[in-house]
N, C-alpha and C. Protein backbone atom coordinates (compact mmCIF):
# COMPACT_ATOMS: atom_id res chain seq x y z
N THR A 1 -68.92 158.73 53.50
CA THR A 1 -67.93 157.71 52.78
C THR A 1 -68.04 156.20 53.47
N ARG A 2 -67.26 155.52 53.07
CA ARG A 2 -67.63 153.84 53.30
C ARG A 2 -66.06 153.40 53.76
N ALA A 3 -66.01 152.93 54.96
CA ALA A 3 -64.81 152.40 55.44
C ALA A 3 -64.34 151.21 54.54
N MET A 4 -62.95 151.16 54.50
CA MET A 4 -62.31 150.15 53.59
C MET A 4 -61.47 149.28 54.57
N ALA A 5 -61.91 148.02 54.47
CA ALA A 5 -61.04 147.05 55.23
C ALA A 5 -60.19 146.25 54.19
N LEU A 6 -58.93 146.38 54.32
CA LEU A 6 -57.98 145.74 53.44
C LEU A 6 -57.73 144.26 53.69
N PRO A 7 -58.01 143.60 52.70
CA PRO A 7 -57.72 142.10 52.89
C PRO A 7 -56.33 141.61 53.17
N ALA A 8 -56.17 140.68 53.95
CA ALA A 8 -54.71 140.15 54.31
C ALA A 8 -53.82 140.02 53.05
N THR A 9 -54.60 139.29 52.08
CA THR A 9 -53.80 139.16 50.97
C THR A 9 -54.48 139.62 49.78
N PRO A 10 -53.78 140.36 48.89
CA PRO A 10 -54.50 141.00 47.69
C PRO A 10 -54.74 139.69 46.69
N ARG A 11 -55.99 139.92 46.05
CA ARG A 11 -56.57 138.79 45.34
C ARG A 11 -57.24 139.03 43.84
N THR A 12 -57.17 138.36 42.97
CA THR A 12 -57.94 138.67 41.80
C THR A 12 -59.09 137.34 41.58
N ARG A 13 -60.12 137.85 40.67
CA ARG A 13 -60.88 136.83 40.44
C ARG A 13 -60.35 136.02 39.56
N GLY A 14 -60.38 134.70 39.77
CA GLY A 14 -59.76 133.68 38.84
C GLY A 14 -58.23 133.71 38.84
N ALA A 15 -57.72 132.67 38.71
CA ALA A 15 -56.19 132.72 38.63
C ALA A 15 -55.76 132.47 37.24
N PHE A 16 -55.80 133.40 36.38
CA PHE A 16 -55.42 133.30 34.65
C PHE A 16 -53.88 133.54 35.07
N TYR A 17 -53.25 132.85 34.03
CA TYR A 17 -51.85 133.05 33.86
C TYR A 17 -51.56 132.73 32.59
N GLY A 18 -50.82 133.55 31.71
CA GLY A 18 -50.37 133.09 30.26
C GLY A 18 -50.29 134.27 29.38
N ASP A 19 -50.02 133.74 28.29
CA ASP A 19 -49.64 134.80 26.95
C ASP A 19 -51.09 135.15 26.50
N LEU A 20 -51.53 136.40 26.41
CA LEU A 20 -52.87 136.80 25.81
C LEU A 20 -52.67 136.56 24.10
N GLU A 21 -51.69 136.51 23.55
CA GLU A 21 -51.53 136.18 22.18
C GLU A 21 -51.79 134.77 21.52
N ALA A 22 -51.70 133.83 22.76
CA ALA A 22 -51.95 132.25 22.58
C ALA A 22 -53.40 132.30 22.03
N PRO A 23 -53.69 131.18 21.24
CA PRO A 23 -55.10 130.93 20.54
C PRO A 23 -56.00 130.70 21.80
N GLY A 24 -57.00 131.57 21.71
CA GLY A 24 -58.14 131.44 22.92
C GLY A 24 -57.80 132.01 24.25
N ALA A 25 -56.59 132.47 24.59
CA ALA A 25 -56.27 132.90 25.71
C ALA A 25 -56.98 134.15 26.19
N LEU A 26 -56.89 135.14 25.28
CA LEU A 26 -57.91 136.32 25.75
C LEU A 26 -59.26 136.02 26.12
N GLU A 27 -60.00 135.12 25.37
CA GLU A 27 -61.29 134.64 25.82
C GLU A 27 -61.41 134.12 26.96
N ARG A 28 -60.30 133.09 27.38
CA ARG A 28 -60.42 132.49 28.72
C ARG A 28 -60.03 133.30 29.81
N MET A 29 -59.34 134.27 29.52
CA MET A 29 -58.88 135.16 30.70
C MET A 29 -59.93 136.19 30.99
N VAL A 30 -60.87 136.65 30.01
CA VAL A 30 -62.17 137.39 30.29
C VAL A 30 -63.05 136.53 31.01
N ARG A 31 -63.33 135.18 30.64
CA ARG A 31 -64.15 134.19 31.17
C ARG A 31 -63.81 134.01 32.89
N THR A 32 -62.47 134.10 32.82
CA THR A 32 -61.96 133.55 34.24
C THR A 32 -62.00 134.77 35.11
N THR A 33 -61.43 135.95 34.47
CA THR A 33 -61.11 137.20 35.49
C THR A 33 -62.31 138.21 35.88
N SER A 34 -62.99 138.49 34.56
CA SER A 34 -64.20 139.53 34.55
C SER A 34 -65.30 139.27 35.51
N LEU A 35 -65.96 140.26 35.60
CA LEU A 35 -67.33 140.18 36.21
C LEU A 35 -68.21 140.71 35.21
N ARG A 36 -69.13 139.76 34.68
CA ARG A 36 -69.88 140.13 33.75
C ARG A 36 -69.29 141.02 32.46
N GLY A 37 -68.03 140.66 32.03
CA GLY A 37 -67.40 141.18 31.01
C GLY A 37 -66.68 142.47 31.44
N GLU A 38 -66.83 142.88 32.46
CA GLU A 38 -66.07 144.09 33.20
C GLU A 38 -64.61 143.72 33.80
N LEU A 39 -63.69 144.36 33.47
CA LEU A 39 -62.45 144.16 33.83
C LEU A 39 -61.63 145.58 34.11
N VAL A 40 -60.97 145.37 35.24
CA VAL A 40 -59.93 146.38 35.72
C VAL A 40 -58.57 145.97 35.24
N LEU A 41 -57.87 146.77 34.24
CA LEU A 41 -56.61 146.24 33.87
C LEU A 41 -55.59 147.18 34.51
N LEU A 42 -54.67 146.70 35.23
CA LEU A 42 -53.36 147.11 35.69
C LEU A 42 -52.36 146.75 34.85
N HIS A 43 -51.35 147.38 34.76
CA HIS A 43 -50.08 147.34 33.86
C HIS A 43 -48.95 147.73 34.39
N GLY A 44 -47.83 146.78 34.42
CA GLY A 44 -46.82 147.37 35.35
C GLY A 44 -45.48 146.26 34.93
N ASN A 45 -44.52 146.53 35.58
CA ASN A 45 -43.33 145.64 35.86
C ASN A 45 -43.04 145.24 36.93
N SER A 46 -41.90 144.48 37.08
CA SER A 46 -41.43 143.95 38.36
C SER A 46 -41.06 145.10 39.43
N LYS A 47 -40.55 146.33 38.83
CA LYS A 47 -40.28 147.39 39.61
C LYS A 47 -41.51 148.13 40.37
N ARG A 48 -42.52 147.86 39.96
CA ARG A 48 -43.69 148.33 40.57
C ARG A 48 -44.59 147.12 41.18
N ARG A 49 -44.09 146.17 41.25
CA ARG A 49 -44.83 144.86 41.69
C ARG A 49 -45.43 145.14 43.18
N ARG A 50 -44.63 145.75 44.01
CA ARG A 50 -45.33 146.24 45.52
C ARG A 50 -46.48 147.20 45.27
N LEU A 51 -46.44 148.01 44.49
CA LEU A 51 -47.23 149.25 44.24
C LEU A 51 -48.50 148.41 43.98
N LEU A 52 -48.50 147.74 42.86
CA LEU A 52 -49.40 146.97 42.16
C LEU A 52 -50.26 146.15 43.10
N LEU A 53 -49.56 145.56 44.10
CA LEU A 53 -50.14 144.47 44.87
C LEU A 53 -51.03 145.36 46.00
N ASN A 54 -50.30 146.54 46.28
CA ASN A 54 -51.09 147.67 47.27
C ASN A 54 -52.54 147.99 46.60
N LEU A 55 -52.24 148.41 45.27
CA LEU A 55 -53.42 148.77 44.73
C LEU A 55 -54.35 147.79 44.39
N ILE A 56 -54.16 146.39 44.17
CA ILE A 56 -55.09 145.39 44.37
C ILE A 56 -55.62 145.17 45.60
N ALA A 57 -54.73 145.28 46.85
CA ALA A 57 -55.46 145.32 48.05
C ALA A 57 -56.45 146.37 48.30
N GLN A 58 -56.18 147.39 47.73
CA GLN A 58 -57.08 148.60 48.11
C GLN A 58 -58.39 148.35 47.32
N LEU A 59 -58.26 147.95 46.08
CA LEU A 59 -59.45 147.66 45.29
C LEU A 59 -60.14 146.63 45.92
N ASN A 60 -59.58 145.51 46.35
CA ASN A 60 -60.41 144.34 47.00
C ASN A 60 -61.05 144.96 48.50
N GLY A 61 -60.68 146.02 48.96
CA GLY A 61 -61.21 146.62 49.96
C GLY A 61 -62.65 147.29 49.58
N LEU A 62 -62.63 147.64 48.20
CA LEU A 62 -63.91 148.22 47.77
C LEU A 62 -64.75 147.22 47.14
N ASP A 63 -64.48 145.92 47.27
CA ASP A 63 -65.32 144.72 46.67
C ASP A 63 -64.97 144.70 45.30
N ILE A 64 -63.83 144.98 44.78
CA ILE A 64 -63.36 144.94 43.26
C ILE A 64 -62.28 143.67 43.14
N ASP A 65 -62.64 142.87 42.55
CA ASP A 65 -61.61 141.64 42.31
C ASP A 65 -61.36 141.24 41.15
N HIS A 66 -62.23 141.93 39.98
CA HIS A 66 -62.03 141.46 38.76
C HIS A 66 -61.19 142.36 37.85
N ILE A 67 -59.97 142.04 38.38
CA ILE A 67 -58.75 142.74 38.01
C ILE A 67 -57.87 141.76 37.28
N LEU A 68 -57.16 142.45 36.07
CA LEU A 68 -56.13 141.65 35.33
C LEU A 68 -54.82 142.54 35.49
N LEU A 69 -53.68 141.86 36.01
CA LEU A 69 -52.44 142.33 35.98
C LEU A 69 -51.84 141.92 34.79
N LEU A 70 -51.48 143.00 33.73
CA LEU A 70 -50.77 142.54 32.56
C LEU A 70 -49.43 143.15 32.95
N ALA A 71 -48.45 142.04 32.86
CA ALA A 71 -47.00 142.08 33.22
C ALA A 71 -46.36 142.39 32.18
N PHE A 72 -45.16 142.82 32.41
CA PHE A 72 -44.13 143.10 30.96
C PHE A 72 -43.46 141.91 30.65
N THR A 73 -43.47 141.05 31.52
CA THR A 73 -42.76 139.74 31.20
C THR A 73 -43.47 138.38 31.85
N PRO A 74 -43.30 137.30 31.20
CA PRO A 74 -43.71 136.13 31.73
C PRO A 74 -43.34 135.77 33.04
N ASP A 75 -42.00 136.28 33.32
CA ASP A 75 -41.26 135.82 34.63
C ASP A 75 -41.93 136.66 35.84
N MET A 76 -42.51 137.83 35.71
CA MET A 76 -43.09 138.49 36.77
C MET A 76 -44.42 137.79 37.05
N CYS A 77 -45.22 137.14 36.23
CA CYS A 77 -46.18 136.50 36.25
C CYS A 77 -45.87 135.15 36.95
N GLU A 78 -44.82 134.34 36.58
CA GLU A 78 -44.48 133.28 37.37
C GLU A 78 -44.31 133.57 38.69
N ARG A 79 -43.37 134.62 38.86
CA ARG A 79 -43.12 134.93 40.43
C ARG A 79 -44.35 135.24 41.22
N LEU A 80 -45.15 135.88 40.72
CA LEU A 80 -46.60 136.38 41.42
C LEU A 80 -47.47 134.93 41.47
N ARG A 81 -47.26 134.16 40.72
CA ARG A 81 -47.91 132.92 40.93
C ARG A 81 -47.60 132.13 42.02
N ARG A 82 -46.01 132.04 42.10
CA ARG A 82 -45.31 131.08 43.25
C ARG A 82 -45.60 131.75 44.52
N ASN A 83 -45.29 133.12 44.45
CA ASN A 83 -45.11 133.70 45.62
C ASN A 83 -46.54 134.24 46.32
N ARG A 84 -47.56 134.33 45.83
CA ARG A 84 -48.87 134.62 46.05
C ARG A 84 -49.81 133.20 46.01
N ASN A 85 -49.19 132.18 45.81
CA ASN A 85 -50.20 131.03 45.95
C ASN A 85 -51.42 131.16 45.11
N GLY A 86 -51.00 131.78 43.71
CA GLY A 86 -52.21 131.75 42.82
C GLY A 86 -53.33 132.74 43.24
N ALA A 87 -53.09 133.70 44.04
CA ALA A 87 -54.23 134.51 44.60
C ALA A 87 -54.30 135.48 43.63
N VAL A 88 -53.08 135.98 42.98
CA VAL A 88 -53.23 137.25 42.09
C VAL A 88 -52.93 136.76 40.64
N GLY A 89 -53.98 136.85 39.81
CA GLY A 89 -53.66 136.25 38.48
C GLY A 89 -52.84 137.34 37.67
N CYS A 90 -52.40 137.04 36.46
CA CYS A 90 -51.40 137.77 35.67
C CYS A 90 -51.33 137.23 34.52
N ALA A 91 -51.08 138.39 33.47
CA ALA A 91 -51.02 137.93 31.90
C ALA A 91 -49.85 138.57 31.45
N HIS A 92 -49.37 138.24 30.33
CA HIS A 92 -48.37 138.82 29.65
C HIS A 92 -48.83 138.95 28.15
N SER A 93 -48.14 139.81 27.34
CA SER A 93 -48.30 139.59 25.70
C SER A 93 -47.11 139.46 25.19
N SER A 94 -46.98 138.47 24.08
CA SER A 94 -46.00 138.42 23.34
C SER A 94 -46.19 139.47 22.08
N HIS A 95 -47.01 140.10 22.04
CA HIS A 95 -47.09 141.03 20.85
C HIS A 95 -45.90 141.97 20.54
N LEU A 96 -45.54 141.80 19.23
CA LEU A 96 -44.49 142.36 18.69
C LEU A 96 -43.08 141.92 19.24
N LEU A 97 -42.96 140.34 19.74
CA LEU A 97 -41.87 139.76 20.04
C LEU A 97 -41.59 138.69 19.10
N PRO A 98 -40.37 138.50 18.70
CA PRO A 98 -40.29 137.34 17.71
C PRO A 98 -41.11 136.31 18.00
N PRO A 99 -41.72 135.43 16.95
CA PRO A 99 -42.44 134.30 17.31
C PRO A 99 -41.79 133.07 17.59
N SER A 100 -42.05 132.37 18.67
CA SER A 100 -41.47 131.04 19.04
C SER A 100 -41.82 129.90 17.69
N PRO A 101 -41.27 128.84 17.87
CA PRO A 101 -41.34 127.77 16.81
C PRO A 101 -42.82 127.59 16.71
N LEU A 102 -43.33 127.29 18.10
CA LEU A 102 -44.72 127.01 18.03
C LEU A 102 -45.66 128.01 17.53
N ALA A 103 -45.51 129.15 17.75
CA ALA A 103 -46.38 130.31 17.19
C ALA A 103 -46.08 130.49 15.51
N ALA A 104 -45.04 129.82 15.06
CA ALA A 104 -45.05 129.81 13.70
C ALA A 104 -46.38 129.21 12.83
N THR A 105 -46.86 128.35 13.70
CA THR A 105 -47.90 127.54 13.09
C THR A 105 -49.16 128.53 13.03
N ARG A 106 -49.38 129.28 13.83
CA ARG A 106 -50.45 130.08 14.25
C ARG A 106 -51.01 131.11 13.09
N PRO A 107 -52.44 131.10 12.78
CA PRO A 107 -52.76 132.05 11.82
C PRO A 107 -52.04 133.37 12.11
N ASN A 108 -51.92 134.11 11.10
CA ASN A 108 -51.16 135.32 10.85
C ASN A 108 -49.82 135.39 11.44
N ALA A 109 -49.23 134.15 11.68
CA ALA A 109 -47.69 134.21 12.02
C ALA A 109 -46.77 134.90 11.16
N THR A 110 -46.93 134.91 9.69
CA THR A 110 -46.26 135.81 8.86
C THR A 110 -46.27 137.10 9.24
N LYS A 111 -47.59 137.50 9.26
CA LYS A 111 -47.59 139.01 9.70
C LYS A 111 -47.00 139.32 11.22
N SER A 112 -47.40 138.45 12.03
CA SER A 112 -46.51 138.87 13.37
C SER A 112 -45.20 138.73 13.33
N ALA A 113 -44.45 137.90 12.56
CA ALA A 113 -42.97 137.68 12.42
C ALA A 113 -42.67 139.18 11.85
N ALA A 114 -43.34 139.62 10.78
CA ALA A 114 -42.92 140.77 10.10
C ALA A 114 -43.02 142.05 11.13
N MET A 115 -44.06 142.26 11.71
CA MET A 115 -44.17 143.03 12.76
C MET A 115 -43.03 143.05 13.96
N ALA A 116 -42.53 141.87 14.34
CA ALA A 116 -41.84 141.72 15.41
C ALA A 116 -40.17 142.08 14.78
N ALA A 117 -40.01 141.70 13.52
CA ALA A 117 -38.83 142.53 12.82
C ALA A 117 -38.67 143.81 12.73
N ALA A 118 -39.88 144.44 12.63
CA ALA A 118 -39.96 145.89 12.31
C ALA A 118 -39.78 146.51 13.85
N ALA A 119 -40.43 146.03 14.74
CA ALA A 119 -40.23 146.49 16.22
C ALA A 119 -38.67 146.34 16.55
N ALA A 120 -38.06 145.35 16.27
CA ALA A 120 -36.80 145.10 16.62
C ALA A 120 -35.86 145.94 15.85
N ALA A 121 -36.17 146.40 14.39
CA ALA A 121 -35.41 147.28 13.68
C ALA A 121 -35.38 148.68 14.46
N TRP A 122 -36.70 148.92 15.05
CA TRP A 122 -36.79 150.25 15.55
C TRP A 122 -36.39 150.25 17.07
N GLY A 123 -35.92 149.25 17.55
CA GLY A 123 -35.29 149.30 18.81
C GLY A 123 -36.50 149.19 19.88
N MET A 124 -37.54 148.81 19.67
CA MET A 124 -38.49 148.85 20.48
C MET A 124 -39.02 147.36 20.93
N ALA A 125 -38.11 146.26 20.53
CA ALA A 125 -38.66 144.88 20.89
C ALA A 125 -38.81 144.68 22.34
N ASP A 126 -38.05 145.19 23.15
CA ASP A 126 -38.03 145.08 24.55
C ASP A 126 -38.02 146.26 25.40
N SER A 127 -38.79 147.12 24.71
CA SER A 127 -38.93 148.55 25.24
C SER A 127 -40.20 148.77 26.21
N ASN A 128 -40.23 149.93 26.83
CA ASN A 128 -41.80 150.25 27.50
C ASN A 128 -42.55 150.67 26.37
N TYR A 129 -42.11 150.94 25.26
CA TYR A 129 -43.09 151.48 24.53
C TYR A 129 -43.98 150.21 23.79
N ARG A 130 -43.36 149.12 23.70
CA ARG A 130 -43.95 147.72 23.13
C ARG A 130 -45.00 147.40 24.27
N HIS A 131 -44.57 147.53 25.49
CA HIS A 131 -45.46 147.14 26.75
C HIS A 131 -46.94 148.09 26.52
N TRP A 132 -46.60 149.38 26.21
CA TRP A 132 -47.68 150.30 26.37
C TRP A 132 -48.61 149.94 25.10
N LEU A 133 -47.88 149.54 23.86
CA LEU A 133 -48.86 148.95 22.81
C LEU A 133 -49.39 147.92 23.03
N ALA A 134 -48.76 146.83 23.87
CA ALA A 134 -49.61 145.50 24.29
C ALA A 134 -50.77 145.79 25.00
N LYS A 135 -50.63 146.84 26.06
CA LYS A 135 -51.75 147.24 26.86
C LYS A 135 -52.90 147.69 25.98
N TRP A 136 -52.73 148.48 25.18
CA TRP A 136 -53.80 149.11 24.45
C TRP A 136 -54.51 148.04 23.25
N ARG A 137 -53.53 147.32 22.78
CA ARG A 137 -53.98 146.14 21.97
C ARG A 137 -54.81 145.32 22.88
N THR A 138 -54.44 144.84 24.28
CA THR A 138 -55.30 144.17 25.05
C THR A 138 -56.66 144.81 25.24
N MET A 139 -56.71 145.99 25.55
CA MET A 139 -57.99 146.73 25.59
C MET A 139 -58.88 146.73 24.53
N ARG A 140 -58.31 146.86 23.64
CA ARG A 140 -59.08 146.97 22.10
C ARG A 140 -59.66 145.49 21.95
N ARG A 141 -58.87 144.53 22.15
CA ARG A 141 -59.37 143.17 21.90
C ARG A 141 -60.49 142.76 22.99
N VAL A 142 -60.37 143.02 24.06
CA VAL A 142 -61.52 142.95 25.21
C VAL A 142 -62.73 143.75 24.84
N LEU A 143 -62.60 144.95 24.22
CA LEU A 143 -63.78 145.82 23.84
C LEU A 143 -64.43 145.38 22.73
N GLN A 144 -63.57 144.88 21.62
CA GLN A 144 -63.95 144.17 20.46
C GLN A 144 -64.87 142.90 20.89
N GLY A 145 -64.61 142.11 21.97
CA GLY A 145 -65.28 140.96 22.42
C GLY A 145 -66.52 141.49 23.18
N ARG A 146 -66.97 142.58 23.26
CA ARG A 146 -68.11 143.42 24.13
C ARG A 146 -67.67 143.46 25.41
N GLY A 147 -66.38 143.16 25.84
CA GLY A 147 -66.25 143.37 27.25
C GLY A 147 -66.03 145.00 27.69
N GLN A 148 -65.73 145.27 28.77
CA GLN A 148 -65.63 146.57 29.21
C GLN A 148 -64.23 146.56 30.09
N VAL A 149 -63.51 147.51 29.74
CA VAL A 149 -62.21 147.76 30.50
C VAL A 149 -62.09 149.24 31.03
């Protein structure tokens, strides 16, 4: 077995922050964060922030830093960016959320708005189920781009 030295500060490769649904954001995240297209995807909310940071530190001890933390909210990403001085990258997904006025100009805006309305009607607009779907959507999109998750 190999001894694992934990770094003083958890870190991820590249400091990507943003909404993966924004045009070009997923591709930018893969370029910034992955190791030759390979990505370790962690998913969680602010209640699990300490656990996630500990897991990132343990992975760093194994020389793994091509990690993306997919947070439930943009607020969690902003707090990580501020409190960790950009050492831990973080992304979120607005998938199934009502589109912002800016998003209304994007391709598929009508489809996205219809899906968001359906999610709200089903009571999952801000549920853990929506976040679970966002995780699988992110994985699918990375794999479609020939990446590995």
